[in-house]
Amino acid sequence: MGGKLRVNCPVCGRSLFKGSKNSELECNCPKCNSYLTVNFVANGISVIVKEENKLTGSGISGEECKALGNG
């Protein structure tokens, strides 16, 4: 797969960001505030919901996402 892959929140469906393979990110969804770990791998994307927030509309900005590293 070439180029960047788009990630959506698996809880609420909000479009979050794009990333390249061999990257890992952790962030809160700005819509539902679920805490996610996103891994961009060679054949796709793995998204793990670390903590699901039941309150909607209480998210933080995308600027709060932190990059953990690139392969």
N, C-alpha and C. Protein backbone atom coordinates (compact mmCIF):
# COMPACT_ATOMS: atom_id res chain seq x y z
N MET A 1 0.84 -1.18 0.00
CA MET A 1 0.00 0.00 0.00
C MET A 1 0.88 1.23 0.00
N GLY A 2 0.67 2.12 -0.93
CA GLY A 2 1.45 3.33 -0.97
C GLY A 2 0.66 4.49 -0.41
N GLY A 3 1.36 5.56 -0.07
CA GLY A 3 0.69 6.76 0.41
C GLY A 3 0.23 6.65 1.85
N LYS A 4 -0.63 7.58 2.20
CA LYS A 4 -1.12 7.65 3.57
C LYS A 4 -2.48 6.97 3.70
N LEU A 5 -2.74 6.44 4.88
CA LEU A 5 -4.00 5.77 5.18
C LEU A 5 -4.81 6.63 6.14
N ARG A 6 -6.12 6.71 5.94
CA ARG A 6 -6.99 7.51 6.81
C ARG A 6 -7.55 6.64 7.92
N VAL A 7 -7.63 7.20 9.13
CA VAL A 7 -8.15 6.49 10.30
C VAL A 7 -9.46 7.14 10.74
N ASN A 8 -10.45 6.28 11.03
CA ASN A 8 -11.71 6.72 11.63
C ASN A 8 -11.81 6.11 13.02
N CYS A 9 -12.49 6.80 13.92
CA CYS A 9 -12.72 6.27 15.26
C CYS A 9 -13.65 5.06 15.15
N PRO A 10 -13.28 3.92 15.74
CA PRO A 10 -14.13 2.74 15.66
C PRO A 10 -15.36 2.84 16.56
N VAL A 11 -15.39 3.82 17.46
CA VAL A 11 -16.52 3.97 18.38
C VAL A 11 -17.62 4.84 17.75
N CYS A 12 -17.24 6.04 17.25
CA CYS A 12 -18.24 6.98 16.73
C CYS A 12 -18.16 7.21 15.23
N GLY A 13 -17.07 6.76 14.58
CA GLY A 13 -16.94 6.91 13.13
C GLY A 13 -16.29 8.20 12.66
N ARG A 14 -15.92 9.08 13.56
CA ARG A 14 -15.31 10.36 13.18
C ARG A 14 -13.99 10.13 12.44
N SER A 15 -13.79 10.86 11.36
CA SER A 15 -12.53 10.82 10.64
C SER A 15 -11.49 11.54 11.48
N LEU A 16 -10.35 10.88 11.73
CA LEU A 16 -9.37 11.43 12.66
C LEU A 16 -8.16 12.05 11.98
N PHE A 17 -7.38 11.25 11.25
CA PHE A 17 -6.15 11.74 10.66
C PHE A 17 -5.64 10.72 9.65
N LYS A 18 -4.55 11.08 8.97
CA LYS A 18 -3.88 10.18 8.04
C LYS A 18 -2.53 9.81 8.62
N GLY A 19 -2.02 8.65 8.22
CA GLY A 19 -0.71 8.24 8.68
C GLY A 19 -0.03 7.31 7.69
N SER A 20 1.25 7.13 7.87
CA SER A 20 2.05 6.26 7.01
C SER A 20 2.35 4.95 7.72
N LYS A 21 2.63 3.90 6.93
CA LYS A 21 2.94 2.61 7.54
C LYS A 21 4.14 2.72 8.46
N ASN A 22 4.20 1.79 9.41
CA ASN A 22 5.25 1.74 10.43
C ASN A 22 5.19 2.92 11.40
N SER A 23 3.99 3.47 11.62
CA SER A 23 3.80 4.54 12.59
C SER A 23 2.85 4.07 13.68
N GLU A 24 3.00 4.63 14.87
CA GLU A 24 2.10 4.34 15.97
C GLU A 24 1.70 5.65 16.63
N LEU A 25 0.41 5.82 16.91
CA LEU A 25 -0.11 7.03 17.54
C LEU A 25 -1.04 6.66 18.68
N GLU A 26 -1.11 7.52 19.67
CA GLU A 26 -2.11 7.41 20.73
C GLU A 26 -2.81 8.75 20.79
N CYS A 27 -4.13 8.74 20.88
CA CYS A 27 -4.87 10.00 20.97
C CYS A 27 -6.27 9.76 21.48
N ASN A 28 -6.93 10.86 21.81
CA ASN A 28 -8.34 10.84 22.15
C ASN A 28 -9.12 11.29 20.94
N CYS A 29 -10.24 10.65 20.66
CA CYS A 29 -11.12 11.09 19.60
C CYS A 29 -11.74 12.41 20.03
N PRO A 30 -11.70 13.44 19.18
CA PRO A 30 -12.26 14.73 19.56
C PRO A 30 -13.79 14.73 19.65
N LYS A 31 -14.45 13.72 19.09
CA LYS A 31 -15.92 13.66 19.14
C LYS A 31 -16.41 12.89 20.37
N CYS A 32 -15.94 11.66 20.57
CA CYS A 32 -16.46 10.83 21.66
C CYS A 32 -15.48 10.69 22.83
N ASN A 33 -14.27 11.20 22.66
CA ASN A 33 -13.23 11.20 23.69
C ASN A 33 -12.72 9.80 24.05
N SER A 34 -12.93 8.81 23.19
CA SER A 34 -12.36 7.48 23.42
C SER A 34 -10.85 7.54 23.21
N TYR A 35 -10.11 6.86 24.09
CA TYR A 35 -8.65 6.84 24.00
C TYR A 35 -8.24 5.69 23.09
N LEU A 36 -7.51 6.00 22.01
CA LEU A 36 -7.19 5.03 20.97
C LEU A 36 -5.68 4.87 20.80
N THR A 37 -5.27 3.65 20.45
CA THR A 37 -3.92 3.38 19.97
C THR A 37 -4.06 2.95 18.52
N VAL A 38 -3.35 3.63 17.64
CA VAL A 38 -3.43 3.38 16.20
C VAL A 38 -2.06 2.93 15.70
N ASN A 39 -2.03 1.78 15.03
CA ASN A 39 -0.80 1.27 14.41
C ASN A 39 -1.01 1.18 12.92
N PHE A 40 -0.16 1.86 12.16
CA PHE A 40 -0.17 1.76 10.71
C PHE A 40 0.85 0.68 10.35
N VAL A 41 0.37 -0.43 9.81
CA VAL A 41 1.24 -1.56 9.46
C VAL A 41 1.29 -1.71 7.95
N ALA A 42 2.13 -2.60 7.47
CA ALA A 42 2.35 -2.75 6.04
C ALA A 42 1.07 -3.08 5.26
N ASN A 43 0.17 -3.86 5.88
CA ASN A 43 -1.02 -4.28 5.13
C ASN A 43 -2.31 -3.62 5.62
N GLY A 44 -2.23 -2.53 6.41
CA GLY A 44 -3.45 -1.84 6.84
C GLY A 44 -3.26 -1.09 8.13
N ILE A 45 -4.36 -0.99 8.90
CA ILE A 45 -4.37 -0.21 10.12
C ILE A 45 -4.95 -1.06 11.25
N SER A 46 -4.36 -0.95 12.43
CA SER A 46 -4.89 -1.59 13.63
C SER A 46 -5.27 -0.48 14.61
N VAL A 47 -6.53 -0.45 15.04
CA VAL A 47 -6.99 0.54 16.01
C VAL A 47 -7.50 -0.19 17.24
N ILE A 48 -6.94 0.14 18.40
CA ILE A 48 -7.34 -0.47 19.66
C ILE A 48 -7.97 0.61 20.54
N VAL A 49 -9.17 0.34 21.03
CA VAL A 49 -9.83 1.26 21.95
C VAL A 49 -9.33 0.93 23.35
N LYS A 50 -8.50 1.81 23.90
CA LYS A 50 -7.95 1.59 25.24
C LYS A 50 -8.97 1.92 26.31
N GLU A 51 -9.74 2.97 26.07
CA GLU A 51 -10.76 3.39 27.03
C GLU A 51 -11.87 4.10 26.27
N GLU A 52 -13.08 3.62 26.42
CA GLU A 52 -14.22 4.22 25.73
C GLU A 52 -14.95 5.14 26.70
N ASN A 53 -15.07 6.41 26.30
CA ASN A 53 -15.77 7.39 27.12
C ASN A 53 -17.23 7.40 26.72
N LYS A 54 -18.11 7.23 27.65
CA LYS A 54 -19.55 7.18 27.37
C LYS A 54 -20.13 8.57 27.13
N LEU A 55 -19.41 9.63 27.51
CA LEU A 55 -19.90 10.98 27.28
C LEU A 55 -19.53 11.42 25.88
N THR A 56 -20.49 11.91 25.12
CA THR A 56 -20.20 12.37 23.76
C THR A 56 -20.04 13.88 23.76
N GLY A 57 -19.30 14.37 22.79
CA GLY A 57 -19.11 15.80 22.65
C GLY A 57 -18.13 16.40 23.64
N SER A 58 -17.40 15.59 24.37
CA SER A 58 -16.47 16.12 25.37
C SER A 58 -15.02 15.86 24.98
N GLY A 59 -14.77 15.75 23.69
CA GLY A 59 -13.43 15.40 23.23
C GLY A 59 -12.45 16.56 23.33
N ILE A 60 -11.19 16.24 23.08
CA ILE A 60 -10.14 17.23 23.07
C ILE A 60 -9.69 17.42 21.63
N SER A 61 -8.93 18.45 21.37
CA SER A 61 -8.52 18.75 20.02
C SER A 61 -7.51 17.73 19.50
N GLY A 62 -7.40 17.63 18.19
CA GLY A 62 -6.45 16.73 17.56
C GLY A 62 -5.02 17.07 17.90
N GLU A 63 -4.77 18.31 18.35
CA GLU A 63 -3.43 18.72 18.72
C GLU A 63 -2.94 17.94 19.95
N GLU A 64 -3.86 17.33 20.69
CA GLU A 64 -3.49 16.59 21.88
C GLU A 64 -2.93 15.20 21.53
N CYS A 65 -3.09 14.77 20.27
CA CYS A 65 -2.55 13.49 19.85
C CYS A 65 -1.02 13.55 19.89
N LYS A 66 -0.41 12.46 20.29
CA LYS A 66 1.05 12.46 20.34
C LYS A 66 1.59 11.30 19.52
N ALA A 67 2.59 11.60 18.72
CA ALA A 67 3.23 10.57 17.93
C ALA A 67 4.22 9.82 18.81
N LEU A 68 4.15 8.50 18.78
CA LEU A 68 5.06 7.69 19.60
C LEU A 68 6.31 7.27 18.85
N GLY A 69 6.25 7.24 17.53
CA GLY A 69 7.45 6.85 16.81
C GLY A 69 7.16 6.43 15.40
N ASN A 70 8.15 6.46 14.59
CA ASN A 70 8.07 5.98 13.21
C ASN A 70 9.11 4.90 13.02
N GLY A 71 8.68 3.86 12.27
CA GLY A 71 9.50 2.69 12.07
C GLY A 71 10.80 2.96 11.47
